[in-house]
Amino acid sequence: MTTSFLRRLLPTVASLAVLFSASFADAAQVSIPLADSLAKAAPKLNKEVLRSAVAAMQCAVNNGSEPAQRLAVIDFSLPSSQRRLWIFDLRRKSLLLEDFVAHGQKSGEDYATRFSNLDGSHQSSLGLFRTQESYLGSHGYSLRIDGLEPGINDRARERDIVIHPADYVNPAWIKRQGRIGRSFGCPAVRPEVARMVVDSLKGGQFMFSYYPDQKWLASSLYLNCRPKQVASLLAAARDSDS
């Protein structure tokens, strides 16, 4: 290979290197700025949990899901005796709520450590959800949610997993029994904030439930963004709704 040929080749290689470097940098920065902005509004929320929530949401949006105005994050690695539900306004990059949320009876006592997608399991589910319609049910003003992750939470509607008010989501219970009450798998909230939660989240917002479950972390199509598979799933969901 001649010296003159190498000299002609070097500018092309340099240009490609800059192009690829910029592409990789842009991809890496997709979720970090938003997550970091939201983190300033919610300093008690683990930054890695928040980054995971934002990354999963943006994977969905980048592959066919409609953008949302709000994002709810539940950190099930925290005990029920702590506030572990955060709701963000994504446009204003502000925090709307930080409050208590219940987990399923069979998921654990104060800490949730077991999760399921099975009907009748009375366990909570992990992963990315899309909120849907509000309604008046046996628990009062409630909100239906659809799980987006196959085998992880996609039976949420079939299981009647909804956001609803519950008297047992009560900080006074913590003094008596070391935790708040538990649900049949629903992310139940305090009656005092339930209407605000439902109205903030209804109509196609995102909810993300986290726990350091290694199998889920390694296999989630949204956390480990798989564009073709995610796009196919979202397209199928749209077809079934039409």
Protein backbone atom coordinates (compact mmCIF):
# COMPACT_ATOMS: atom_id res chain seq x y z
CA MET A 1 0.00 0.00 0.00
CA THR A 2 1.56 3.32 -1.09
CA THR A 3 2.08 6.36 1.08
CA SER A 4 0.04 8.52 -1.29
CA PHE A 5 -2.91 6.13 -1.08
CA LEU A 6 -2.79 6.22 2.72
CA ARG A 7 -2.76 10.00 2.68
CA ARG A 8 -5.88 10.03 0.49
CA LEU A 9 -7.57 7.45 2.74
CA LEU A 10 -6.92 9.17 6.08
CA PRO A 11 -9.45 12.02 5.67
CA THR A 12 -12.18 9.51 4.81
CA VAL A 13 -11.37 7.36 7.84
CA ALA A 14 -11.31 10.42 10.06
CA SER A 15 -14.70 11.56 8.76
CA LEU A 16 -16.22 8.13 9.36
CA ALA A 17 -14.76 8.06 12.86
CA VAL A 18 -16.35 11.41 13.67
CA LEU A 19 -19.68 10.27 12.18
CA PHE A 20 -19.78 7.03 14.15
CA SER A 21 -18.58 8.71 17.33
CA ALA A 22 -21.37 11.27 17.04
CA SER A 23 -23.96 8.57 16.39
CA PHE A 24 -22.90 6.53 19.39
CA ALA A 25 -22.75 9.64 21.57
CA ASP A 26 -26.26 10.68 20.47
CA ALA A 27 -27.62 7.20 21.22
CA ALA A 28 -25.99 7.10 24.62
CA GLN A 29 -27.43 10.51 25.48
CA VAL A 30 -31.03 9.74 24.50
CA SER A 31 -32.31 9.09 28.03
CA ILE A 32 -29.66 10.55 30.33
CA PRO A 33 -30.53 14.29 30.01
CA LEU A 34 -34.23 13.74 30.75
CA ALA A 35 -33.49 11.36 33.62
CA ASP A 36 -30.98 13.77 35.11
CA SER A 37 -33.46 16.65 34.89
CA LEU A 38 -36.15 14.58 36.59
CA ALA A 39 -33.67 13.44 39.23
CA LYS A 40 -33.22 17.03 40.38
CA ALA A 41 -36.94 17.14 41.15
CA ALA A 42 -36.87 13.80 43.02
CA PRO A 43 -33.58 13.48 44.92
CA LYS A 44 -34.84 10.53 46.98
CA LEU A 45 -35.46 8.38 43.91
CA ASN A 46 -32.50 6.18 42.99
CA LYS A 47 -30.97 7.67 39.85
CA GLU A 48 -30.34 4.29 38.24
CA VAL A 49 -33.96 3.29 38.77
CA LEU A 50 -35.09 6.56 37.20
CA ARG A 51 -32.70 6.13 34.27
CA SER A 52 -34.06 2.63 33.71
CA ALA A 53 -37.62 3.95 33.71
CA VAL A 54 -36.82 6.70 31.24
CA ALA A 55 -34.82 4.36 29.00
CA ALA A 56 -37.66 1.82 28.87
CA MET A 57 -40.19 4.55 28.11
CA GLN A 58 -38.06 6.06 25.36
CA CYS A 59 -37.49 2.64 23.83
CA ALA A 60 -41.27 2.33 23.50
CA VAL A 61 -41.67 5.84 22.08
CA ASN A 62 -38.81 5.41 19.61
CA ASN A 63 -40.43 2.26 18.27
CA GLY A 64 -44.02 3.25 17.72
CA SER A 65 -45.62 4.21 21.05
CA GLU A 66 -47.18 7.65 21.41
CA PRO A 67 -45.19 10.04 23.62
CA ALA A 68 -46.59 10.61 27.10
CA GLN A 69 -47.00 13.70 29.23
CA ARG A 70 -46.34 11.94 32.53
CA LEU A 71 -44.34 9.05 33.95
CA ALA A 72 -44.96 7.12 37.17
CA VAL A 73 -42.09 5.21 38.76
CA ILE A 74 -42.46 2.59 41.50
CA ASP A 75 -39.30 1.37 43.21
CA PHE A 76 -40.19 -1.98 44.76
CA SER A 77 -36.65 -2.34 46.11
CA LEU A 78 -37.85 0.04 48.84
CA PRO A 79 -40.14 -1.11 51.68
CA SER A 80 -43.83 -0.26 51.67
CA SER A 81 -43.20 1.81 54.81
CA GLN A 82 -41.40 4.37 52.61
CA ARG A 83 -42.74 6.61 49.89
CA ARG A 84 -41.80 4.72 46.73
CA LEU A 85 -44.16 6.08 44.05
CA TRP A 86 -43.12 9.11 42.01
CA ILE A 87 -45.17 10.83 39.31
CA PHE A 88 -43.44 13.23 36.94
CA ASP A 89 -44.64 15.87 34.52
CA LEU A 90 -42.37 15.16 31.55
CA ARG A 91 -42.97 18.47 29.79
CA ARG A 92 -42.15 20.62 32.80
CA LYS A 93 -39.63 18.09 34.14
CA SER A 94 -41.25 18.47 37.54
CA LEU A 95 -42.41 16.16 40.32
CA LEU A 96 -46.17 15.92 40.83
CA LEU A 97 -46.27 13.38 43.65
CA GLU A 98 -44.08 11.27 45.94
CA ASP A 99 -46.18 8.90 48.00
CA PHE A 100 -46.91 5.41 49.34
CA VAL A 101 -48.00 2.52 47.13
CA ALA A 102 -49.03 -1.04 48.02
CA HIS A 103 -47.70 -4.31 46.66
CA GLY A 104 -49.37 -7.71 46.39
CA GLN A 105 -50.03 -9.91 49.43
CA LYS A 106 -47.94 -12.73 48.02
CA SER A 107 -45.08 -10.47 46.99
CA GLY A 108 -43.82 -10.08 50.55
CA GLU A 109 -44.35 -8.32 53.86
CA ASP A 110 -42.79 -4.85 54.10
CA TYR A 111 -40.53 -5.62 51.16
CA ALA A 112 -41.81 -7.01 47.87
CA THR A 113 -39.44 -9.73 46.68
CA ARG A 114 -41.66 -11.96 44.51
CA PHE A 115 -43.39 -10.92 41.30
CA SER A 116 -45.74 -12.62 38.89
CA ASN A 117 -47.77 -12.25 35.72
CA LEU A 118 -50.18 -15.04 36.66
CA ASP A 119 -53.84 -14.54 37.44
CA GLY A 120 -54.60 -15.39 41.06
CA SER A 121 -50.99 -15.02 42.18
CA HIS A 122 -51.78 -11.94 44.29
CA GLN A 123 -48.31 -10.69 43.40
CA SER A 124 -47.22 -7.42 41.87
CA SER A 125 -45.72 -7.25 38.39
CA LEU A 126 -42.59 -5.50 37.17
CA GLY A 127 -41.80 -3.59 34.01
CA LEU A 128 -43.25 -0.97 31.72
CA PHE A 129 -46.99 -0.29 31.61
CA ARG A 130 -49.26 2.05 29.66
CA THR A 131 -52.13 3.61 31.57
CA GLN A 132 -55.58 3.54 30.00
CA GLU A 133 -59.12 4.47 31.03
CA SER A 134 -60.42 5.63 34.38
CA TYR A 135 -63.61 4.09 35.77
CA LEU A 136 -65.76 3.78 38.88
CA GLY A 137 -65.42 0.31 40.37
CA SER A 138 -65.72 -1.55 43.65
CA HIS A 139 -62.75 0.40 45.03
CA GLY A 140 -64.01 3.75 43.76
CA TYR A 141 -62.35 5.93 41.15
CA SER A 142 -59.72 3.71 39.55
CA LEU A 143 -57.42 3.40 36.55
CA ARG A 144 -56.81 0.46 34.22
CA ILE A 145 -53.28 -0.27 33.03
CA ASP A 146 -51.90 -2.48 30.28
CA GLY A 147 -48.58 -4.26 30.67
CA LEU A 148 -46.24 -3.95 27.69
CA GLU A 149 -43.77 -6.71 28.53
CA PRO A 150 -44.64 -10.25 27.33
CA GLY A 151 -44.51 -12.82 30.11
CA ILE A 152 -43.71 -10.13 32.66
CA ASN A 153 -46.81 -7.95 32.97
CA ASP A 154 -48.90 -8.35 29.81
CA ARG A 155 -51.74 -10.04 31.69
CA ALA A 156 -52.35 -6.99 33.88
CA ARG A 157 -55.78 -6.24 32.42
CA GLU A 158 -56.81 -9.89 32.55
CA ARG A 159 -55.75 -9.95 36.21
CA ASP A 160 -57.64 -6.71 36.97
CA ILE A 161 -54.43 -5.03 38.02
CA VAL A 162 -55.46 -1.39 38.40
CA ILE A 163 -54.52 1.73 40.31
CA HIS A 164 -57.16 2.28 42.98
CA PRO A 165 -57.64 3.89 46.40
CA ALA A 166 -57.37 1.67 49.46
CA ASP A 167 -57.82 2.48 53.15
CA TYR A 168 -54.99 0.07 54.00
CA VAL A 169 -52.47 2.30 52.21
CA ASN A 170 -52.17 4.22 55.45
CA PRO A 171 -48.97 5.40 57.17
CA ALA A 172 -50.68 4.80 60.54
CA TRP A 173 -50.41 1.06 59.84
CA ILE A 174 -46.64 1.33 59.86
CA LYS A 175 -46.55 2.03 63.59
CA ARG A 176 -48.80 -0.95 64.31
CA GLN A 177 -47.36 -3.60 61.99
CA GLY A 178 -44.24 -2.21 60.40
CA ARG A 179 -45.76 -1.78 56.93
CA ILE A 180 -48.81 -0.52 55.09
CA GLY A 181 -51.50 -2.94 53.94
CA ARG A 182 -51.20 -5.09 50.83
CA SER A 183 -53.31 -5.61 47.74
CA PHE A 184 -54.10 -8.54 45.42
CA GLY A 185 -51.33 -7.27 43.14
CA CYS A 186 -52.59 -3.77 42.40
CA PRO A 187 -50.48 -0.64 42.95
CA ALA A 188 -53.06 0.75 45.37
CA VAL A 189 -52.63 4.27 46.73
CA ARG A 190 -53.91 6.38 49.61
CA PRO A 191 -57.54 7.55 49.20
CA GLU A 192 -56.39 11.11 49.86
CA VAL A 193 -54.29 11.18 46.68
CA ALA A 194 -56.11 8.61 44.54
CA ARG A 195 -58.12 11.05 42.41
CA MET A 196 -55.04 13.13 41.71
CA VAL A 197 -53.07 9.98 40.79
CA VAL A 198 -55.76 8.67 38.44
CA ASP A 199 -56.38 12.04 36.77
CA SER A 200 -52.64 12.62 36.33
CA LEU A 201 -52.02 9.22 34.79
CA LYS A 202 -55.13 8.33 32.81
CA GLY A 203 -55.17 8.29 29.04
CA GLY A 204 -51.92 6.80 27.86
CA GLN A 205 -49.19 7.73 30.32
CA PHE A 206 -46.32 5.44 31.29
CA MET A 207 -45.77 3.56 34.54
CA PHE A 208 -42.59 1.67 35.38
CA SER A 209 -42.25 -0.78 38.27
CA TYR A 210 -38.71 -1.68 39.31
CA TYR A 211 -37.02 -4.37 41.37
CA PRO A 212 -33.46 -5.72 40.92
CA ASP A 213 -34.69 -9.04 39.55
CA GLN A 214 -31.75 -10.29 37.52
CA LYS A 215 -33.80 -12.39 35.11
CA TRP A 216 -36.08 -9.51 34.23
CA LEU A 217 -33.20 -7.01 34.01
CA ALA A 218 -31.40 -9.31 31.56
CA SER A 219 -34.44 -10.17 29.41
CA SER A 220 -36.60 -7.03 29.30
CA LEU A 221 -37.18 -5.96 25.69
CA TYR A 222 -37.49 -2.35 26.82
CA LEU A 223 -34.59 -2.09 29.25
CA ASN A 224 -32.34 -3.86 26.74
CA CYS A 225 -34.03 -2.04 23.91
CA ARG A 226 -34.83 -4.48 21.09
CA PRO A 227 -36.25 -2.18 18.38
CA LYS A 228 -37.64 -4.81 16.00
CA GLN A 229 -39.32 -6.83 18.74
CA VAL A 230 -40.68 -3.77 20.53
CA ALA A 231 -42.02 -2.28 17.28
CA SER A 232 -43.71 -5.58 16.45
CA LEU A 233 -45.32 -5.82 19.88
CA LEU A 234 -46.59 -2.26 19.79
CA ALA A 235 -47.95 -2.68 16.26
CA ALA A 236 -49.80 -5.86 17.30
CA ALA A 237 -51.27 -4.02 20.29
CA ARG A 238 -52.50 -1.19 18.06
CA ASP A 239 -54.07 -3.68 15.64
CA SER A 240 -55.90 -5.44 18.46
CA ASP A 241 -57.29 -2.12 19.70
CA SER A 242 -58.55 -1.05 16.28
